[in-house]
């Protein structure tokens, strides 16, 4: 079951972007367009939203949007990156359990924060639109996944994890379980989930 779309959060973001007086500077105009794109995503869905509709909601010309974004996929990917920010950091201190626990707790805070439901909505859209998933992978997810693989690989090299560890599989299991539980529980997560994942797979 996918959590309900955070219409109130998106509306606030949209109002903040659109309720400015005077002629906006280019960066302000960009934020207005991205806010309008998020609002369209959560209220209309990816299939129904249009560049024209986003431009109108942002008070911009269609040509202005197309000068910056070639298509709807590029626009949505930038909007998600701007709003959600994907802040969870991956740090290698030499303790795989502590490092993974720290990362998963940050991810938990992001999912339970004001942008978590938006992220869940986007994930549902990714399942329906492979091109959207590919663009997100190329721009954001691949770098994060590479960092996680590096973290696990170094733990294997230190002997902290078995030599026959499936690095690709283990690197993705933590975030995958966090997101799965978040979606299945309708936007909620057990407080101890990061600890349980670490105990099961990294200690």
N, C-alpha and C. Protein backbone atom coordinates (compact mmCIF):
# COMPACT_ATOMS: atom_id res chain seq x y z
N UNK A 1 0.85 -1.20 0.00
CA UNK A 1 0.00 0.00 0.00
C UNK A 1 0.87 1.22 0.00
N UNK A 2 0.70 2.11 -0.96
CA UNK A 2 1.53 3.31 -1.06
C UNK A 2 0.96 4.40 -0.21
N UNK A 3 1.82 5.14 0.59
CA UNK A 3 1.32 6.22 1.42
C UNK A 3 0.64 7.27 0.57
N UNK A 4 -0.33 7.98 1.19
CA UNK A 4 -1.02 9.02 0.45
C UNK A 4 -0.07 10.12 0.08
N UNK A 5 -0.32 10.78 -1.04
CA UNK A 5 0.55 11.84 -1.54
C UNK A 5 0.49 13.02 -0.61
N UNK A 6 1.64 13.65 -0.30
CA UNK A 6 1.71 14.75 0.66
C UNK A 6 1.25 16.04 0.03
N UNK A 7 -0.05 16.15 -0.27
CA UNK A 7 -0.54 17.31 -0.99
C UNK A 7 -0.31 18.58 -0.20
N UNK A 8 -0.46 18.50 1.17
CA UNK A 8 -0.28 19.71 1.95
C UNK A 8 1.16 20.19 1.89
N UNK A 9 2.12 19.27 1.94
CA UNK A 9 3.53 19.68 1.86
C UNK A 9 3.84 20.29 0.52
N UNK A 10 3.35 19.65 -0.54
CA UNK A 10 3.64 20.15 -1.87
C UNK A 10 2.98 21.48 -2.12
N UNK A 11 1.75 21.66 -1.57
CA UNK A 11 1.06 22.92 -1.75
C UNK A 11 1.80 24.04 -1.07
N UNK A 12 2.35 23.76 0.13
CA UNK A 12 3.14 24.77 0.82
C UNK A 12 4.34 25.16 0.00
N UNK A 13 5.05 24.12 -0.54
CA UNK A 13 6.22 24.41 -1.36
C UNK A 13 5.84 25.22 -2.57
N UNK A 14 4.69 24.89 -3.17
CA UNK A 14 4.27 25.61 -4.36
C UNK A 14 3.90 27.04 -4.00
N UNK A 15 3.15 27.22 -2.91
CA UNK A 15 2.76 28.57 -2.51
C UNK A 15 3.97 29.42 -2.20
N UNK A 16 4.97 28.82 -1.53
CA UNK A 16 6.18 29.56 -1.19
C UNK A 16 6.90 30.01 -2.44
N UNK A 17 6.83 29.16 -3.47
CA UNK A 17 7.52 29.52 -4.71
C UNK A 17 6.78 30.54 -5.53
N UNK A 18 5.42 30.54 -5.46
CA UNK A 18 4.65 31.36 -6.37
C UNK A 18 4.22 32.70 -5.77
N UNK A 19 4.24 32.80 -4.44
CA UNK A 19 3.71 34.00 -3.82
C UNK A 19 4.79 35.05 -3.62
N UNK A 20 5.53 35.36 -4.65
CA UNK A 20 6.54 36.40 -4.58
C UNK A 20 6.11 37.54 -5.51
N UNK A 21 6.41 38.76 -5.08
CA UNK A 21 6.09 39.89 -5.93
C UNK A 21 7.24 40.23 -6.84
N UNK A 22 6.93 40.94 -7.90
CA UNK A 22 7.98 41.39 -8.80
C UNK A 22 8.45 40.32 -9.75
N UNK A 23 9.41 40.66 -10.57
CA UNK A 23 9.94 39.73 -11.56
C UNK A 23 11.00 38.84 -10.92
N UNK A 24 10.81 37.52 -10.90
CA UNK A 24 11.76 36.65 -10.20
C UNK A 24 13.08 36.54 -10.94
N UNK A 25 14.14 36.34 -10.18
CA UNK A 25 15.42 36.05 -10.79
C UNK A 25 15.39 34.63 -11.32
N UNK A 26 16.36 34.28 -12.13
CA UNK A 26 16.35 32.98 -12.79
C UNK A 26 16.33 31.83 -11.79
N UNK A 27 17.09 31.94 -10.69
CA UNK A 27 17.10 30.86 -9.71
C UNK A 27 15.75 30.76 -9.01
N UNK A 28 15.16 31.88 -8.72
CA UNK A 28 13.83 31.86 -8.11
C UNK A 28 12.81 31.25 -9.07
N UNK A 29 12.91 31.63 -10.34
CA UNK A 29 12.00 31.07 -11.34
C UNK A 29 12.17 29.55 -11.43
N UNK A 30 13.42 29.08 -11.37
CA UNK A 30 13.66 27.65 -11.42
C UNK A 30 13.02 26.94 -10.24
N UNK A 31 13.15 27.52 -9.05
CA UNK A 31 12.53 26.91 -7.87
C UNK A 31 11.01 26.88 -8.00
N UNK A 32 10.43 27.93 -8.57
CA UNK A 32 8.99 27.96 -8.77
C UNK A 32 8.54 26.84 -9.71
N UNK A 33 9.29 26.64 -10.76
CA UNK A 33 8.94 25.59 -11.73
C UNK A 33 9.08 24.21 -11.09
N UNK A 34 10.15 24.01 -10.33
CA UNK A 34 10.35 22.71 -9.67
C UNK A 34 9.25 22.45 -8.64
N UNK A 35 8.86 23.48 -7.89
CA UNK A 35 7.77 23.33 -6.93
C UNK A 35 6.47 22.98 -7.64
N UNK A 36 6.22 23.63 -8.76
CA UNK A 36 5.01 23.33 -9.54
C UNK A 36 5.05 21.90 -10.09
N UNK A 37 6.23 21.44 -10.47
CA UNK A 37 6.36 20.07 -10.97
C UNK A 37 6.06 19.05 -9.88
N UNK A 38 6.54 19.29 -8.66
CA UNK A 38 6.24 18.39 -7.55
C UNK A 38 4.75 18.37 -7.26
N UNK A 39 4.15 19.55 -7.26
CA UNK A 39 2.72 19.63 -7.00
C UNK A 39 1.95 18.83 -8.04
N UNK A 40 2.34 18.95 -9.30
CA UNK A 40 1.67 18.20 -10.36
C UNK A 40 1.89 16.70 -10.21
N UNK A 41 3.10 16.31 -9.80
CA UNK A 41 3.42 14.89 -9.64
C UNK A 41 2.52 14.24 -8.61
N UNK A 42 2.37 14.90 -7.45
CA UNK A 42 1.62 14.28 -6.36
C UNK A 42 0.12 14.45 -6.50
N UNK A 43 -0.34 15.43 -7.25
CA UNK A 43 -1.78 15.63 -7.38
C UNK A 43 -2.34 15.04 -8.67
N UNK A 44 -1.50 14.93 -9.71
CA UNK A 44 -1.98 14.43 -10.99
C UNK A 44 -1.35 13.09 -11.37
N UNK A 45 -0.12 12.84 -10.89
CA UNK A 45 0.61 11.66 -11.30
C UNK A 45 1.45 11.96 -12.52
N UNK A 46 2.47 11.13 -12.74
CA UNK A 46 3.41 11.39 -13.82
C UNK A 46 2.75 11.34 -15.19
N UNK A 47 1.85 10.39 -15.40
CA UNK A 47 1.20 10.26 -16.70
C UNK A 47 0.40 11.51 -17.06
N UNK A 48 -0.34 12.03 -16.09
CA UNK A 48 -1.26 13.13 -16.39
C UNK A 48 -0.59 14.50 -16.40
N UNK A 49 0.45 14.67 -15.65
CA UNK A 49 1.08 15.99 -15.59
C UNK A 49 1.70 16.35 -16.94
N UNK A 50 1.74 17.65 -17.23
CA UNK A 50 2.29 18.12 -18.50
C UNK A 50 3.23 19.28 -18.28
N UNK A 51 4.14 19.47 -19.21
CA UNK A 51 5.03 20.63 -19.17
C UNK A 51 4.21 21.92 -19.21
N UNK A 52 3.19 21.93 -20.04
CA UNK A 52 2.36 23.12 -20.17
C UNK A 52 1.67 23.46 -18.86
N UNK A 53 1.15 22.43 -18.18
CA UNK A 53 0.48 22.64 -16.91
C UNK A 53 1.44 23.13 -15.84
N UNK A 54 2.63 22.57 -15.81
CA UNK A 54 3.64 23.01 -14.83
C UNK A 54 4.02 24.47 -15.09
N UNK A 55 4.23 24.80 -16.35
CA UNK A 55 4.59 26.18 -16.70
C UNK A 55 3.50 27.15 -16.27
N UNK A 56 2.26 26.80 -16.54
CA UNK A 56 1.14 27.67 -16.17
C UNK A 56 1.06 27.86 -14.66
N UNK A 57 1.23 26.76 -13.90
CA UNK A 57 1.15 26.84 -12.44
C UNK A 57 2.27 27.69 -11.87
N UNK A 58 3.43 27.68 -12.53
CA UNK A 58 4.57 28.44 -12.05
C UNK A 58 4.57 29.88 -12.59
N UNK A 59 3.60 30.19 -13.43
CA UNK A 59 3.55 31.52 -14.01
C UNK A 59 4.67 31.75 -15.00
N UNK A 60 5.10 30.69 -15.67
CA UNK A 60 6.20 30.77 -16.63
C UNK A 60 5.70 30.37 -18.01
N UNK A 61 6.44 30.77 -19.02
CA UNK A 61 6.12 30.34 -20.36
C UNK A 61 6.61 28.94 -20.61
N UNK A 62 5.92 28.22 -21.48
CA UNK A 62 6.33 26.86 -21.81
C UNK A 62 7.76 26.83 -22.34
N UNK A 63 8.13 27.83 -23.13
CA UNK A 63 9.49 27.90 -23.69
C UNK A 63 10.53 28.02 -22.59
N UNK A 64 10.19 28.72 -21.51
CA UNK A 64 11.11 28.87 -20.38
C UNK A 64 11.43 27.51 -19.76
N UNK A 65 10.41 26.68 -19.61
CA UNK A 65 10.62 25.35 -19.04
C UNK A 65 11.45 24.49 -19.98
N UNK A 66 11.12 24.51 -21.25
CA UNK A 66 11.84 23.66 -22.21
C UNK A 66 13.29 24.10 -22.41
N UNK A 67 13.60 25.36 -22.15
CA UNK A 67 15.00 25.79 -22.25
C UNK A 67 15.86 25.13 -21.18
N UNK A 68 15.24 24.83 -20.05
CA UNK A 68 16.00 24.25 -18.94
C UNK A 68 15.88 22.73 -18.90
N UNK A 69 14.71 22.20 -19.23
CA UNK A 69 14.46 20.76 -19.17
C UNK A 69 13.90 20.30 -20.51
N UNK A 70 14.53 19.29 -21.08
CA UNK A 70 14.12 18.83 -22.40
C UNK A 70 12.80 18.07 -22.40
N UNK A 71 12.48 17.45 -21.26
CA UNK A 71 11.26 16.66 -21.20
C UNK A 71 10.78 16.53 -19.76
N UNK A 72 9.66 15.87 -19.60
CA UNK A 72 9.03 15.73 -18.29
C UNK A 72 9.88 14.92 -17.32
N UNK A 73 10.57 13.93 -17.83
CA UNK A 73 11.42 13.10 -16.97
C UNK A 73 12.52 13.94 -16.35
N UNK A 74 13.23 14.72 -17.15
CA UNK A 74 14.30 15.58 -16.62
C UNK A 74 13.77 16.54 -15.56
N UNK A 75 12.60 17.09 -15.82
CA UNK A 75 12.00 18.04 -14.88
C UNK A 75 11.68 17.38 -13.55
N UNK A 76 11.07 16.20 -13.58
CA UNK A 76 10.71 15.52 -12.34
C UNK A 76 11.95 15.08 -11.56
N UNK A 77 12.96 14.59 -12.26
CA UNK A 77 14.18 14.15 -11.59
C UNK A 77 14.84 15.32 -10.87
N UNK A 78 14.92 16.47 -11.51
CA UNK A 78 15.50 17.64 -10.86
C UNK A 78 14.65 18.09 -9.68
N UNK A 79 13.34 18.03 -9.83
CA UNK A 79 12.45 18.46 -8.76
C UNK A 79 12.61 17.57 -7.53
N UNK A 80 12.69 16.26 -7.74
CA UNK A 80 12.88 15.33 -6.64
C UNK A 80 14.23 15.59 -5.96
N UNK A 81 15.29 15.74 -6.76
CA UNK A 81 16.61 15.99 -6.19
C UNK A 81 16.67 17.27 -5.39
N UNK A 82 15.98 18.29 -5.85
CA UNK A 82 15.96 19.59 -5.17
C UNK A 82 15.20 19.52 -3.86
N UNK A 83 14.06 18.83 -3.87
CA UNK A 83 13.19 18.82 -2.69
C UNK A 83 13.63 17.79 -1.66
N UNK A 84 13.90 16.58 -2.11
CA UNK A 84 14.23 15.51 -1.17
C UNK A 84 15.67 15.60 -0.71
N UNK A 85 16.56 16.02 -1.62
CA UNK A 85 17.96 16.29 -1.32
C UNK A 85 18.80 15.04 -1.06
N UNK A 86 18.17 13.90 -0.71
CA UNK A 86 18.92 12.65 -0.54
C UNK A 86 20.15 12.87 0.34
N UNK A 87 19.90 13.31 1.55
CA UNK A 87 20.99 13.81 2.40
C UNK A 87 21.80 12.73 3.09
N UNK A 88 21.29 11.52 3.24
CA UNK A 88 21.97 10.50 4.03
C UNK A 88 23.40 10.28 3.53
N UNK A 89 24.36 10.47 4.42
CA UNK A 89 25.77 10.34 4.06
C UNK A 89 26.28 8.94 4.39
N UNK A 90 27.28 8.53 3.64
CA UNK A 90 27.92 7.23 3.87
C UNK A 90 29.37 7.49 4.26
N UNK A 91 29.73 7.11 5.47
CA UNK A 91 31.07 7.37 6.01
C UNK A 91 31.71 6.04 6.37
N UNK A 92 32.98 5.89 6.03
CA UNK A 92 33.72 4.66 6.34
C UNK A 92 34.70 4.93 7.47
N UNK A 93 34.34 4.49 8.68
CA UNK A 93 35.21 4.67 9.84
C UNK A 93 36.02 3.41 10.14
N UNK A 94 35.75 2.34 9.38
CA UNK A 94 36.41 1.08 9.65
C UNK A 94 35.56 0.13 10.46
N UNK A 95 34.35 0.54 10.83
CA UNK A 95 33.42 -0.30 11.58
C UNK A 95 32.16 -0.43 10.73
N UNK A 96 32.01 -1.53 10.00
CA UNK A 96 30.91 -1.67 9.06
C UNK A 96 29.56 -1.61 9.75
N UNK A 97 29.45 -2.18 10.94
CA UNK A 97 28.18 -2.15 11.65
C UNK A 97 27.78 -0.73 12.03
N UNK A 98 28.72 0.01 12.62
CA UNK A 98 28.44 1.38 13.03
C UNK A 98 28.18 2.28 11.83
N UNK A 99 28.95 2.09 10.76
CA UNK A 99 28.79 2.93 9.58
C UNK A 99 27.45 2.68 8.90
N UNK A 100 27.06 1.42 8.78
CA UNK A 100 25.78 1.12 8.14
C UNK A 100 24.63 1.56 9.03
N UNK A 101 24.77 1.39 10.33
CA UNK A 101 23.72 1.84 11.26
C UNK A 101 23.53 3.36 11.14
N UNK A 102 24.62 4.10 11.08
CA UNK A 102 24.55 5.56 10.95
C UNK A 102 23.83 5.96 9.66
N UNK A 103 24.20 5.30 8.57
CA UNK A 103 23.57 5.61 7.28
C UNK A 103 22.08 5.29 7.31
N UNK A 104 21.72 4.12 7.82
CA UNK A 104 20.31 3.72 7.83
C UNK A 104 19.48 4.59 8.76
N UNK A 105 20.07 5.06 9.84
CA UNK A 105 19.33 5.97 10.73
C UNK A 105 19.07 7.31 10.04
N UNK A 106 20.05 7.79 9.27
CA UNK A 106 19.84 9.01 8.50
C UNK A 106 18.73 8.81 7.47
N UNK A 107 18.78 7.65 6.80
CA UNK A 107 17.74 7.35 5.81
C UNK A 107 16.38 7.27 6.48
N UNK A 108 16.33 6.69 7.65
CA UNK A 108 15.08 6.60 8.40
C UNK A 108 14.53 8.00 8.71
N UNK A 109 15.40 8.91 9.15
CA UNK A 109 14.96 10.28 9.43
C UNK A 109 14.42 10.95 8.17
N UNK A 110 15.08 10.73 7.04
CA UNK A 110 14.61 11.33 5.80
C UNK A 110 13.24 10.78 5.40
N UNK A 111 13.07 9.46 5.53
CA UNK A 111 11.80 8.85 5.14
C UNK A 111 10.66 9.30 6.05
N UNK A 112 10.95 9.51 7.32
CA UNK A 112 9.91 9.91 8.26
C UNK A 112 9.74 11.42 8.33
N UNK A 113 10.58 12.15 7.62
CA UNK A 113 10.49 13.60 7.60
C UNK A 113 9.43 14.08 6.63
N UNK A 114 9.38 15.40 6.41
CA UNK A 114 8.31 15.98 5.58
C UNK A 114 8.34 15.53 4.13
N UNK A 115 9.48 15.02 3.66
CA UNK A 115 9.59 14.64 2.25
C UNK A 115 9.47 13.13 2.02
N UNK A 116 9.28 12.37 3.10
CA UNK A 116 9.25 10.92 2.96
C UNK A 116 8.11 10.42 2.09
N UNK A 117 6.90 10.96 2.29
CA UNK A 117 5.76 10.52 1.51
C UNK A 117 5.92 10.90 0.04
N UNK A 118 6.54 12.05 -0.19
CA UNK A 118 6.82 12.45 -1.57
C UNK A 118 7.76 11.45 -2.23
N UNK A 119 8.79 11.05 -1.49
CA UNK A 119 9.73 10.07 -2.03
C UNK A 119 9.05 8.74 -2.32
N UNK A 120 8.14 8.33 -1.44
CA UNK A 120 7.42 7.08 -1.65
C UNK A 120 6.52 7.18 -2.89
N UNK A 121 5.88 8.33 -3.07
CA UNK A 121 5.06 8.54 -4.26
C UNK A 121 5.91 8.43 -5.52
N UNK A 122 7.09 9.04 -5.47
CA UNK A 122 7.99 8.99 -6.63
C UNK A 122 8.43 7.55 -6.91
N UNK A 123 8.70 6.80 -5.86
CA UNK A 123 9.12 5.41 -6.05
C UNK A 123 8.04 4.60 -6.74
N UNK A 124 6.79 4.87 -6.38
CA UNK A 124 5.69 4.16 -7.04
C UNK A 124 5.64 4.51 -8.52
N UNK A 125 5.88 5.77 -8.83
CA UNK A 125 5.89 6.19 -10.24
C UNK A 125 7.06 5.55 -10.99
N UNK A 126 8.17 5.38 -10.33
CA UNK A 126 9.34 4.74 -10.96
C UNK A 126 9.01 3.32 -11.41
N UNK A 127 8.24 2.62 -10.61
CA UNK A 127 7.88 1.24 -10.97
C UNK A 127 7.05 1.19 -12.24
N UNK A 128 6.25 2.23 -12.46
CA UNK A 128 5.40 2.26 -13.64
C UNK A 128 6.10 2.82 -14.87
N UNK A 129 7.22 3.52 -14.65
CA UNK A 129 7.88 4.21 -15.76
C UNK A 129 9.38 3.91 -15.74
N UNK A 130 9.83 2.87 -16.43
CA UNK A 130 11.25 2.49 -16.42
C UNK A 130 12.18 3.63 -16.83
N UNK A 131 11.77 4.49 -17.74
CA UNK A 131 12.64 5.59 -18.16
C UNK A 131 12.87 6.56 -17.00
N UNK A 132 11.87 6.75 -16.16
CA UNK A 132 12.02 7.60 -14.98
C UNK A 132 12.99 6.95 -14.00
N UNK A 133 12.87 5.65 -13.82
CA UNK A 133 13.78 4.93 -12.93
C UNK A 133 15.22 4.99 -13.44
N UNK A 134 15.40 4.85 -14.74
CA UNK A 134 16.75 4.90 -15.32
C UNK A 134 17.38 6.28 -15.13
N UNK A 135 16.60 7.32 -15.32
CA UNK A 135 17.13 8.67 -15.15
C UNK A 135 17.52 8.94 -13.71
N UNK A 136 16.69 8.47 -12.77
CA UNK A 136 17.00 8.65 -11.35
C UNK A 136 18.25 7.86 -10.96
N UNK A 137 18.36 6.67 -11.50
CA UNK A 137 19.53 5.83 -11.24
C UNK A 137 20.80 6.52 -11.73
N UNK A 138 20.75 7.06 -12.93
CA UNK A 138 21.93 7.69 -13.51
C UNK A 138 22.35 8.94 -12.75
N UNK A 139 21.38 9.71 -12.28
CA UNK A 139 21.70 11.00 -11.68
C UNK A 139 21.97 10.93 -10.19
N UNK A 140 21.30 10.02 -9.48
CA UNK A 140 21.41 10.00 -8.02
C UNK A 140 21.77 8.63 -7.44
N UNK A 141 20.98 7.62 -7.78
CA UNK A 141 21.08 6.34 -7.06
C UNK A 141 22.38 5.61 -7.33
N UNK A 142 22.92 5.71 -8.54
CA UNK A 142 24.12 4.95 -8.87
C UNK A 142 25.31 5.37 -8.01
N UNK A 143 25.43 6.65 -7.75
CA UNK A 143 26.54 7.14 -6.92
C UNK A 143 26.42 6.64 -5.48
N UNK A 144 25.20 6.70 -4.95
CA UNK A 144 24.98 6.22 -3.58
C UNK A 144 25.25 4.72 -3.49
N UNK A 145 24.80 3.98 -4.49
CA UNK A 145 25.01 2.53 -4.49
C UNK A 145 26.50 2.19 -4.60
N UNK A 146 27.24 2.95 -5.38
CA UNK A 146 28.68 2.72 -5.50
C UNK A 146 29.38 2.94 -4.16
N UNK A 147 28.95 3.96 -3.42
CA UNK A 147 29.53 4.22 -2.10
C UNK A 147 29.24 3.08 -1.14
N UNK A 148 28.04 2.54 -1.19
CA UNK A 148 27.69 1.42 -0.32
C UNK A 148 28.49 0.17 -0.68
N UNK A 149 28.66 -0.07 -1.98
CA UNK A 149 29.48 -1.23 -2.40
C UNK A 149 30.91 -1.08 -1.90
N UNK A 150 31.45 0.12 -1.98
CA UNK A 150 32.81 0.37 -1.51
C UNK A 150 32.92 0.12 -0.01
N UNK A 151 31.91 0.54 0.74
CA UNK A 151 31.89 0.33 2.18
C UNK A 151 31.91 -1.16 2.51
N UNK A 152 31.08 -1.92 1.82
CA UNK A 152 31.02 -3.37 2.07
C UNK A 152 32.31 -4.04 1.61
N UNK A 153 32.83 -3.64 0.45
CA UNK A 153 34.05 -4.25 -0.07
C UNK A 153 35.22 -4.07 0.91
N UNK A 154 35.35 -2.89 1.47
CA UNK A 154 36.44 -2.63 2.42
C UNK A 154 36.28 -3.47 3.69
N UNK A 155 35.02 -3.68 4.09
CA UNK A 155 34.78 -4.52 5.26
C UNK A 155 35.19 -5.96 4.97
N UNK A 156 34.94 -6.43 3.77
CA UNK A 156 35.36 -7.77 3.36
C UNK A 156 36.89 -7.85 3.36
N UNK A 157 37.54 -6.83 2.82
CA UNK A 157 39.00 -6.83 2.76
C UNK A 157 39.63 -6.81 4.15
N UNK A 158 38.95 -6.19 5.12
CA UNK A 158 39.46 -6.14 6.50
C UNK A 158 39.16 -7.44 7.24
N UNK A 159 38.32 -8.28 6.69
CA UNK A 159 37.93 -9.50 7.37
C UNK A 159 36.74 -9.32 8.28
N UNK A 160 36.11 -8.15 8.24
CA UNK A 160 34.93 -7.90 9.07
C UNK A 160 33.70 -8.60 8.53
N UNK A 161 33.72 -8.94 7.24
CA UNK A 161 32.65 -9.71 6.62
C UNK A 161 33.27 -10.90 5.90
N UNK A 162 32.52 -11.98 5.70
CA UNK A 162 33.08 -13.18 5.05
C UNK A 162 33.65 -12.87 3.66
N UNK A 163 34.68 -13.62 3.29
CA UNK A 163 35.35 -13.41 2.01
C UNK A 163 34.42 -13.68 0.83
N UNK A 164 33.43 -14.55 1.02
CA UNK A 164 32.52 -14.89 -0.09
C UNK A 164 31.25 -14.02 -0.09
N UNK A 165 31.29 -12.89 0.61
CA UNK A 165 30.13 -11.99 0.66
C UNK A 165 29.73 -11.53 -0.74
N UNK A 166 28.45 -11.56 -1.03
CA UNK A 166 27.92 -10.99 -2.27
C UNK A 166 27.84 -9.48 -2.06
N UNK A 167 28.85 -8.76 -2.52
CA UNK A 167 28.98 -7.33 -2.22
C UNK A 167 27.82 -6.53 -2.77
N UNK A 168 27.44 -6.78 -4.01
CA UNK A 168 26.34 -6.03 -4.61
C UNK A 168 25.04 -6.24 -3.84
N UNK A 169 24.77 -7.49 -3.48
CA UNK A 169 23.54 -7.80 -2.78
C UNK A 169 23.52 -7.17 -1.39
N UNK A 170 24.60 -7.32 -0.66
CA UNK A 170 24.64 -6.83 0.71
C UNK A 170 24.63 -5.30 0.76
N UNK A 171 25.23 -4.67 -0.23
CA UNK A 171 25.26 -3.20 -0.26
C UNK A 171 23.86 -2.62 -0.39
N UNK A 172 22.97 -3.34 -1.06
CA UNK A 172 21.64 -2.81 -1.29
C UNK A 172 20.58 -3.26 -0.32
N UNK A 173 20.90 -4.23 0.53
CA UNK A 173 19.85 -4.84 1.35
C UNK A 173 19.30 -3.86 2.38
N UNK A 174 20.15 -3.04 2.98
CA UNK A 174 19.68 -2.12 4.02
C UNK A 174 18.69 -1.09 3.49
N UNK A 175 19.09 -0.29 2.51
CA UNK A 175 18.14 0.69 1.96
C UNK A 175 16.88 0.03 1.40
N UNK A 176 17.03 -1.13 0.75
CA UNK A 176 15.86 -1.79 0.17
C UNK A 176 14.86 -2.18 1.25
N UNK A 177 15.34 -2.71 2.36
CA UNK A 177 14.45 -3.09 3.44
C UNK A 177 13.79 -1.88 4.09
N UNK A 178 14.54 -0.79 4.21
CA UNK A 178 13.98 0.43 4.79
C UNK A 178 12.82 0.94 3.93
N UNK A 179 13.05 1.01 2.64
CA UNK A 179 12.02 1.52 1.74
C UNK A 179 10.82 0.58 1.68
N UNK A 180 11.11 -0.72 1.63
CA UNK A 180 10.02 -1.71 1.59
C UNK A 180 9.12 -1.58 2.82
N UNK A 181 9.73 -1.52 4.00
CA UNK A 181 8.95 -1.40 5.23
C UNK A 181 8.17 -0.09 5.27
N UNK A 182 8.78 0.97 4.78
CA UNK A 182 8.13 2.28 4.75
C UNK A 182 6.86 2.24 3.90
N UNK A 183 6.98 1.64 2.73
CA UNK A 183 5.82 1.56 1.83
C UNK A 183 4.76 0.62 2.39
N UNK A 184 5.18 -0.56 2.87
CA UNK A 184 4.23 -1.55 3.37
C UNK A 184 3.49 -1.07 4.61
N UNK A 185 4.14 -0.25 5.41
CA UNK A 185 3.54 0.23 6.66
C UNK A 185 2.84 1.57 6.48
N UNK A 186 2.66 1.99 5.25
CA UNK A 186 1.91 3.22 4.99
C UNK A 186 2.58 4.47 5.51
N UNK A 187 3.90 4.54 5.35
CA UNK A 187 4.63 5.74 5.76
C UNK A 187 5.15 5.70 7.18
N UNK A 188 5.17 4.53 7.79
CA UNK A 188 5.72 4.39 9.15
C UNK A 188 6.90 3.43 9.12
N UNK A 189 7.76 3.53 10.12
CA UNK A 189 8.91 2.63 10.25
C UNK A 189 9.13 2.30 11.72
N UNK A 190 9.44 1.03 12.03
CA UNK A 190 9.81 0.70 13.41
C UNK A 190 11.07 1.46 13.81
N UNK A 191 11.10 1.98 15.01
CA UNK A 191 12.25 2.77 15.45
C UNK A 191 13.53 1.96 15.45
N UNK A 192 13.43 0.66 15.72
CA UNK A 192 14.63 -0.17 15.83
C UNK A 192 15.03 -0.84 14.52
N UNK A 193 14.39 -0.48 13.41
CA UNK A 193 14.67 -1.18 12.15
C UNK A 193 16.13 -1.08 11.72
N UNK A 194 16.78 0.09 11.77
CA UNK A 194 18.21 0.12 11.40
C UNK A 194 19.05 -0.84 12.23
N UNK A 195 18.80 -0.91 13.54
CA UNK A 195 19.55 -1.81 14.41
C UNK A 195 19.31 -3.26 14.04
N UNK A 196 18.07 -3.61 13.73
CA UNK A 196 17.74 -4.99 13.37
C UNK A 196 18.43 -5.39 12.07
N UNK A 197 18.46 -4.48 11.11
CA UNK A 197 19.12 -4.77 9.83
C UNK A 197 20.62 -4.98 10.05
N UNK A 198 21.22 -4.13 10.85
CA UNK A 198 22.66 -4.25 11.09
C UNK A 198 22.98 -5.54 11.83
N UNK A 199 22.18 -5.88 12.84
CA UNK A 199 22.43 -7.13 13.58
C UNK A 199 22.30 -8.34 12.67
N UNK A 200 21.35 -8.30 11.77
CA UNK A 200 21.09 -9.44 10.90
C UNK A 200 22.16 -9.64 9.82
N UNK A 201 22.67 -8.52 9.27
CA UNK A 201 23.52 -8.64 8.09
C UNK A 201 24.95 -8.14 8.26
N UNK A 202 25.24 -7.34 9.29
CA UNK A 202 26.55 -6.70 9.34
C UNK A 202 27.32 -6.93 10.63
N UNK A 203 26.77 -7.73 11.53
CA UNK A 203 27.49 -8.00 12.77
C UNK A 203 27.62 -9.51 12.98
